[in-house]
């Protein structure tokens, strides 16, 4: 059985804090999509007017930007 959406998803402000980026970064990514050499924003869910980010998508996004020297 899957966890309830409330424990699997975050609103924009919480998602921004979780990935240590600004809300503006997330909004810009939603509005413009992938542009040039900009860091792409994580995937999101649009449910009516509400924007949600799945914790699993945020974790995968963070992992995809991991760099090891």
PDB file of N, CA and C in Angstrom:
ATOM      1  N   UNK A   1       0.835  -1.181   0.000  1.00  0.00           N
ATOM      2  CA  UNK A   1       0.000   0.000   0.000  1.00  0.00           C
ATOM      3  C   UNK A   1       0.881   1.246   0.000  1.00  0.00           C
ATOM      4  N   UNK A   2       0.544   2.227  -0.851  1.00  0.00           N
ATOM      5  CA  UNK A   2       1.321   3.450  -0.928  1.00  0.00           C
ATOM      6  C   UNK A   2       0.978   4.392   0.215  1.00  0.00           C
ATOM      7  N   UNK A   3       1.931   5.268   0.529  1.00  0.00           N
ATOM      8  CA  UNK A   3       1.706   6.285   1.551  1.00  0.00           C
ATOM      9  C   UNK A   3       0.708   7.311   1.023  1.00  0.00           C
ATOM     10  N   UNK A   4      -0.021   7.979   1.916  1.00  0.00           N
ATOM     11  CA  UNK A   4      -0.931   9.043   1.468  1.00  0.00           C
ATOM     12  C   UNK A   4      -0.150  10.154   0.769  1.00  0.00           C
ATOM     13  N   UNK A   5      -0.807  10.838  -0.162  1.00  0.00           N
ATOM     14  CA  UNK A   5      -0.151  11.903  -0.915  1.00  0.00           C
ATOM     15  C   UNK A   5       0.428  12.968   0.001  1.00  0.00           C
ATOM     16  N   UNK A   6      -0.217  13.239   1.116  1.00  0.00           N
ATOM     17  CA  UNK A   6       0.254  14.274   2.042  1.00  0.00           C
ATOM     18  C   UNK A   6       1.653  13.973   2.575  1.00  0.00           C
ATOM     19  N   UNK A   7       2.033  12.713   2.672  1.00  0.00           N
ATOM     20  CA  UNK A   7       3.375  12.378   3.158  1.00  0.00           C
ATOM     21  C   UNK A   7       4.348  12.143   2.007  1.00  0.00           C
ATOM     22  N   UNK A   8       3.818  12.077   0.793  1.00  0.00           N
ATOM     23  CA  UNK A   8       4.665  11.843  -0.380  1.00  0.00           C
ATOM     24  C   UNK A   8       4.946  13.115  -1.155  1.00  0.00           C
ATOM     25  N   UNK A   9       4.211  14.186  -0.878  1.00  0.00           N
ATOM     26  CA  UNK A   9       4.320  15.404  -1.677  1.00  0.00           C
ATOM     27  C   UNK A   9       4.492  16.630  -0.798  1.00  0.00           C
ATOM     28  N   UNK A  10       5.062  17.685  -1.400  1.00  0.00           N
ATOM     29  CA  UNK A  10       5.289  18.951  -0.701  1.00  0.00           C
ATOM     30  C   UNK A  10       4.787  20.096  -1.552  1.00  0.00           C
ATOM     31  N   UNK A  11       4.397  21.161  -0.887  1.00  0.00           N
ATOM     32  CA  UNK A  11       4.066  22.389  -1.596  1.00  0.00           C
ATOM     33  C   UNK A  11       5.360  23.098  -1.970  1.00  0.00           C
ATOM     34  N   UNK A  12       5.221  24.144  -2.781  1.00  0.00           N
ATOM     35  CA  UNK A  12       6.383  24.832  -3.338  1.00  0.00           C
ATOM     36  C   UNK A  12       7.379  25.315  -2.279  1.00  0.00           C
ATOM     37  N   UNK A  13       6.909  25.972  -1.240  1.00  0.00           N
ATOM     38  CA  UNK A  13       7.809  26.534  -0.224  1.00  0.00           C
ATOM     39  C   UNK A  13       8.600  25.428   0.477  1.00  0.00           C
ATOM     40  N   UNK A  14       7.936  24.346   0.820  1.00  0.00           N
ATOM     41  CA  UNK A  14       8.613  23.237   1.489  1.00  0.00           C
ATOM     42  C   UNK A  14       9.594  22.547   0.549  1.00  0.00           C
ATOM     43  N   UNK A  15       9.199  22.400  -0.714  1.00  0.00           N
ATOM     44  CA  UNK A  15      10.084  21.773  -1.702  1.00  0.00           C
ATOM     45  C   UNK A  15      11.338  22.611  -1.920  1.00  0.00           C
ATOM     46  N   UNK A  16      11.169  23.923  -1.996  1.00  0.00           N
ATOM     47  CA  UNK A  16      12.317  24.816  -2.180  1.00  0.00           C
ATOM     48  C   UNK A  16      13.296  24.686  -1.010  1.00  0.00           C
ATOM     49  N   UNK A  17      12.757  24.660   0.191  1.00  0.00           N
ATOM     50  CA  UNK A  17      13.613  24.506   1.371  1.00  0.00           C
ATOM     51  C   UNK A  17      14.293  23.134   1.367  1.00  0.00           C
ATOM     52  N   UNK A  18      13.580  22.111   0.967  1.00  0.00           N
ATOM     53  CA  UNK A  18      14.094  20.738   0.951  1.00  0.00           C
ATOM     54  C   UNK A  18      15.304  20.608   0.022  1.00  0.00           C
ATOM     55  N   UNK A  19      15.260  21.275  -1.139  1.00  0.00           N
ATOM     56  CA  UNK A  19      16.376  21.166  -2.086  1.00  0.00           C
ATOM     57  C   UNK A  19      17.339  22.345  -1.977  1.00  0.00           C
ATOM     58  N   UNK A  20      17.105  23.224  -1.003  1.00  0.00           N
ATOM     59  CA  UNK A  20      17.976  24.383  -0.745  1.00  0.00           C
ATOM     60  C   UNK A  20      18.071  25.313  -1.948  1.00  0.00           C
ATOM     61  N   UNK A  21      16.943  25.532  -2.602  1.00  0.00           N
ATOM     62  CA  UNK A  21      16.858  26.475  -3.713  1.00  0.00           C
ATOM     63  C   UNK A  21      15.710  27.433  -3.387  1.00  0.00           C
ATOM     64  N   UNK A  22      15.585  28.491  -4.177  1.00  0.00           N
ATOM     65  CA  UNK A  22      14.535  29.471  -3.919  1.00  0.00           C
ATOM     66  C   UNK A  22      13.216  29.067  -4.571  1.00  0.00           C
ATOM     67  N   UNK A  23      12.147  29.640  -4.074  1.00  0.00           N
ATOM     68  CA  UNK A  23      10.841  29.437  -4.697  1.00  0.00           C
ATOM     69  C   UNK A  23      10.855  30.004  -6.108  1.00  0.00           C
ATOM     70  N   UNK A  24      11.592  31.083  -6.296  1.00  0.00           N
ATOM     71  CA  UNK A  24      11.711  31.698  -7.623  1.00  0.00           C
ATOM     72  C   UNK A  24      12.316  30.703  -8.616  1.00  0.00           C
ATOM     73  N   UNK A  25      13.322  29.959  -8.203  1.00  0.00           N
ATOM     74  CA  UNK A  25      13.934  28.945  -9.061  1.00  0.00           C
ATOM     75  C   UNK A  25      12.887  27.929  -9.519  1.00  0.00           C
ATOM     76  N   UNK A  26      12.051  27.463  -8.594  1.00  0.00           N
ATOM     77  CA  UNK A  26      11.025  26.484  -8.942  1.00  0.00           C
ATOM     78  C   UNK A  26       9.983  27.093  -9.880  1.00  0.00           C
ATOM     79  N   UNK A  27       9.553  28.313  -9.598  1.00  0.00           N
ATOM     80  CA  UNK A  27       8.565  28.978 -10.457  1.00  0.00           C
ATOM     81  C   UNK A  27       9.105  29.200 -11.859  1.00  0.00           C
ATOM     82  N   UNK A  28      10.325  29.680 -11.940  1.00  0.00           N
ATOM     83  CA  UNK A  28      10.945  29.935 -13.240  1.00  0.00           C
ATOM     84  C   UNK A  28      11.061  28.638 -14.039  1.00  0.00           C
ATOM     85  N   UNK A  29      11.428  27.565 -13.366  1.00  0.00           N
ATOM     86  CA  UNK A  29      11.523  26.273 -14.041  1.00  0.00           C
ATOM     87  C   UNK A  29      10.183  25.805 -14.581  1.00  0.00           C
ATOM     88  N   UNK A  30       9.125  26.047 -13.839  1.00  0.00           N
ATOM     89  CA  UNK A  30       7.784  25.667 -14.311  1.00  0.00           C
ATOM     90  C   UNK A  30       7.350  26.530 -15.479  1.00  0.00           C
ATOM     91  N   UNK A  31       7.700  27.802 -15.454  1.00  0.00           N
ATOM     92  CA  UNK A  31       7.242  28.728 -16.492  1.00  0.00           C
ATOM     93  C   UNK A  31       8.020  28.578 -17.795  1.00  0.00           C
ATOM     94  N   UNK A  32       9.314  28.372 -17.687  1.00  0.00           N
ATOM     95  CA  UNK A  32      10.156  28.377 -18.891  1.00  0.00           C
ATOM     96  C   UNK A  32      10.609  26.992 -19.323  1.00  0.00           C
ATOM     97  N   UNK A  33      10.516  26.022 -18.444  1.00  0.00           N
ATOM     98  CA  UNK A  33      11.001  24.686 -18.794  1.00  0.00           C
ATOM     99  C   UNK A  33      12.512  24.661 -18.882  1.00  0.00           C
ATOM    100  N   UNK A  34      13.031  23.804 -19.716  1.00  0.00           N
ATOM    101  CA  UNK A  34      14.477  23.652 -19.858  1.00  0.00           C
ATOM    102  C   UNK A  34      14.995  24.712 -20.829  1.00  0.00           C
ATOM    103  N   UNK A  35      15.910  25.546 -20.367  1.00  0.00           N
ATOM    104  CA  UNK A  35      16.455  26.606 -21.208  1.00  0.00           C
ATOM    105  C   UNK A  35      17.966  26.644 -21.124  1.00  0.00           C
ATOM    106  N   UNK A  36      18.606  26.526 -22.254  1.00  0.00           N
ATOM    107  CA  UNK A  36      20.057  26.698 -22.350  1.00  0.00           C
ATOM    108  C   UNK A  36      20.831  25.934 -21.302  1.00  0.00           C
ATOM    109  N   UNK A  37      21.716  26.639 -20.644  1.00  0.00           N
ATOM    110  CA  UNK A  37      22.575  25.992 -19.644  1.00  0.00           C
ATOM    111  C   UNK A  37      22.047  26.156 -18.221  1.00  0.00           C
ATOM    112  N   UNK A  38      20.783  26.600 -18.079  1.00  0.00           N
ATOM    113  CA  UNK A  38      20.160  26.706 -16.752  1.00  0.00           C
ATOM    114  C   UNK A  38      19.994  25.331 -16.134  1.00  0.00           C
ATOM    115  N   UNK A  39      20.137  25.251 -14.845  1.00  0.00           N
ATOM    116  CA  UNK A  39      19.859  24.006 -14.136  1.00  0.00           C
ATOM    117  C   UNK A  39      18.366  23.734 -14.227  1.00  0.00           C
ATOM    118  N   UNK A  40      17.990  22.566 -14.749  1.00  0.00           N
ATOM    119  CA  UNK A  40      16.556  22.270 -14.850  1.00  0.00           C
ATOM    120  C   UNK A  40      15.946  22.080 -13.466  1.00  0.00           C
ATOM    121  N   UNK A  41      14.704  22.464 -13.330  1.00  0.00           N
ATOM    122  CA  UNK A  41      14.033  22.296 -12.043  1.00  0.00           C
ATOM    123  C   UNK A  41      13.450  20.888 -11.945  1.00  0.00           C
ATOM    124  N   UNK A  42      13.136  20.455 -10.736  1.00  0.00           N
ATOM    125  CA  UNK A  42      12.578  19.109 -10.561  1.00  0.00           C
ATOM    126  C   UNK A  42      11.169  18.998 -11.136  1.00  0.00           C
ATOM    127  N   UNK A  43      10.729  17.784 -11.442  1.00  0.00           N
ATOM    128  CA  UNK A  43       9.369  17.593 -11.935  1.00  0.00           C
ATOM    129  C   UNK A  43       8.347  17.971 -10.868  1.00  0.00           C
ATOM    130  N   UNK A  44       7.164  18.336 -11.317  1.00  0.00           N
ATOM    131  CA  UNK A  44       6.106  18.751 -10.388  1.00  0.00           C
ATOM    132  C   UNK A  44       4.772  18.192 -10.841  1.00  0.00           C
ATOM    133  N   UNK A  45       3.800  18.295  -9.964  1.00  0.00           N
ATOM    134  CA  UNK A  45       2.427  17.872 -10.250  1.00  0.00           C
ATOM    135  C   UNK A  45       1.543  19.100 -10.141  1.00  0.00           C
ATOM    136  N   UNK A  46       0.674  19.270 -11.108  1.00  0.00           N
ATOM    137  CA  UNK A  46      -0.287  20.368 -11.083  1.00  0.00           C
ATOM    138  C   UNK A  46      -1.656  19.756 -10.832  1.00  0.00           C
ATOM    139  N   UNK A  47      -2.236  20.043  -9.680  1.00  0.00           N
ATOM    140  CA  UNK A  47      -3.553  19.529  -9.302  1.00  0.00           C
ATOM    141  C   UNK A  47      -4.470  20.726  -9.103  1.00  0.00           C
ATOM    142  N   UNK A  48      -5.222  21.058 -10.119  1.00  0.00           N
ATOM    143  CA  UNK A  48      -6.010  22.286 -10.064  1.00  0.00           C
ATOM    144  C   UNK A  48      -5.059  23.467 -10.077  1.00  0.00           C
ATOM    145  N   UNK A  49      -5.164  24.319  -9.083  1.00  0.00           N
ATOM    146  CA  UNK A  49      -4.239  25.459  -8.964  1.00  0.00           C
ATOM    147  C   UNK A  49      -3.045  25.138  -8.081  1.00  0.00           C
ATOM    148  N   UNK A  50      -3.093  24.010  -7.437  1.00  0.00           N
ATOM    149  CA  UNK A  50      -2.036  23.627  -6.495  1.00  0.00           C
ATOM    150  C   UNK A  50      -0.866  22.976  -7.245  1.00  0.00           C
ATOM    151  N   UNK A  51       0.334  23.357  -6.854  1.00  0.00           N
ATOM    152  CA  UNK A  51       1.555  22.762  -7.397  1.00  0.00           C
ATOM    153  C   UNK A  51       2.176  21.928  -6.292  1.00  0.00           C
ATOM    154  N   UNK A  52       2.466  20.675  -6.600  1.00  0.00           N
ATOM    155  CA  UNK A  52       3.061  19.760  -5.629  1.00  0.00           C
ATOM    156  C   UNK A  52       4.315  19.131  -6.195  1.00  0.00           C
ATOM    157  N   UNK A  53       5.219  18.801  -5.304  1.00  0.00           N
ATOM    158  CA  UNK A  53       6.461  18.116  -5.666  1.00  0.00           C
ATOM    159  C   UNK A  53       6.534  16.830  -4.865  1.00  0.00           C
ATOM    160  N   UNK A  54       6.718  15.709  -5.557  1.00  0.00           N
ATOM    161  CA  UNK A  54       6.871  14.437  -4.858  1.00  0.00           C
ATOM    162  C   UNK A  54       8.254  14.367  -4.225  1.00  0.00           C
ATOM    163  N   UNK A  55       8.319  13.893  -3.012  1.00  0.00           N
ATOM    164  CA  UNK A  55       9.590  13.774  -2.299  1.00  0.00           C
ATOM    165  C   UNK A  55      10.538  12.868  -3.091  1.00  0.00           C
ATOM    166  N   UNK A  56      10.017  11.801  -3.666  1.00  0.00           N
ATOM    167  CA  UNK A  56      10.865  10.884  -4.448  1.00  0.00           C
ATOM    168  C   UNK A  56      11.459  11.594  -5.665  1.00  0.00           C
ATOM    169  N   UNK A  57      10.692  12.491  -6.314  1.00  0.00           N
ATOM    170  CA  UNK A  57      11.230  13.262  -7.446  1.00  0.00           C
ATOM    171  C   UNK A  57      12.290  14.244  -6.986  1.00  0.00           C
ATOM    172  N   UNK A  58      12.079  14.864  -5.832  1.00  0.00           N
ATOM    173  CA  UNK A  58      13.072  15.807  -5.302  1.00  0.00           C
ATOM    174  C   UNK A  58      14.369  15.078  -4.946  1.00  0.00           C
ATOM    175  N   UNK A  59      14.245  13.906  -4.343  1.00  0.00           N
ATOM    176  CA  UNK A  59      15.434  13.111  -4.013  1.00  0.00           C
ATOM    177  C   UNK A  59      16.190  12.706  -5.274  1.00  0.00           C
ATOM    178  N   UNK A  60      15.461  12.277  -6.302  1.00  0.00           N
ATOM    179  CA  UNK A  60      16.094  11.884  -7.573  1.00  0.00           C
ATOM    180  C   UNK A  60      16.755  13.091  -8.235  1.00  0.00           C
ATOM    181  N   UNK A  61      16.099  14.256  -8.168  1.00  0.00           N
ATOM    182  CA  UNK A  61      16.662  15.476  -8.745  1.00  0.00           C
ATOM    183  C   UNK A  61      17.970  15.844  -8.035  1.00  0.00           C
ATOM    184  N   UNK A  62      17.956  15.784  -6.711  1.00  0.00           N
ATOM    185  CA  UNK A  62      19.177  16.082  -5.953  1.00  0.00           C
ATOM    186  C   UNK A  62      20.294  15.115  -6.316  1.00  0.00           C
ATOM    187  N   UNK A  63      19.965  13.846  -6.395  1.00  0.00           N
ATOM    188  CA  UNK A  63      20.962  12.814  -6.726  1.00  0.00           C
ATOM    189  C   UNK A  63      21.530  13.032  -8.131  1.00  0.00           C
ATOM    190  N   UNK A  64      20.688  13.482  -9.060  1.00  0.00           N
ATOM    191  CA  UNK A  64      21.148  13.695 -10.437  1.00  0.00           C
ATOM    192  C   UNK A  64      22.105  14.870 -10.558  1.00  0.00           C
ATOM    193  N   UNK A  65      22.132  15.740  -9.568  1.00  0.00           N
ATOM    194  CA  UNK A  65      23.031  16.890  -9.581  1.00  0.00           C
ATOM    195  C   UNK A  65      24.220  16.714  -8.636  1.00  0.00           C
ATOM    196  N   UNK A  66      24.368  15.547  -8.148  1.00  0.00           N
ATOM    197  CA  UNK A  66      25.472  15.248  -7.234  1.00  0.00           C
ATOM    198  C   UNK A  66      26.784  15.185  -8.009  1.00  0.00           C
ATOM    199  N   UNK A  67      27.800  15.797  -7.475  1.00  0.00           N
ATOM    200  CA  UNK A  67      29.135  15.796  -8.096  1.00  0.00           C
ATOM    201  C   UNK A  67      30.139  15.280  -7.068  1.00  0.00           C
ATOM    202  N   UNK A  68      30.994  14.408  -7.526  1.00  0.00           N
ATOM    203  CA  UNK A  68      32.040  13.872  -6.666  1.00  0.00           C
ATOM    204  C   UNK A  68      33.375  14.289  -7.269  1.00  0.00           C
ATOM    205  N   UNK A  69      34.179  14.940  -6.466  1.00  0.00           N
ATOM    206  CA  UNK A  69      35.466  15.442  -6.967  1.00  0.00           C
ATOM    207  C   UNK A  69      36.489  14.348  -7.067  1.00  0.00           C
TER     208      UNK A  69
END
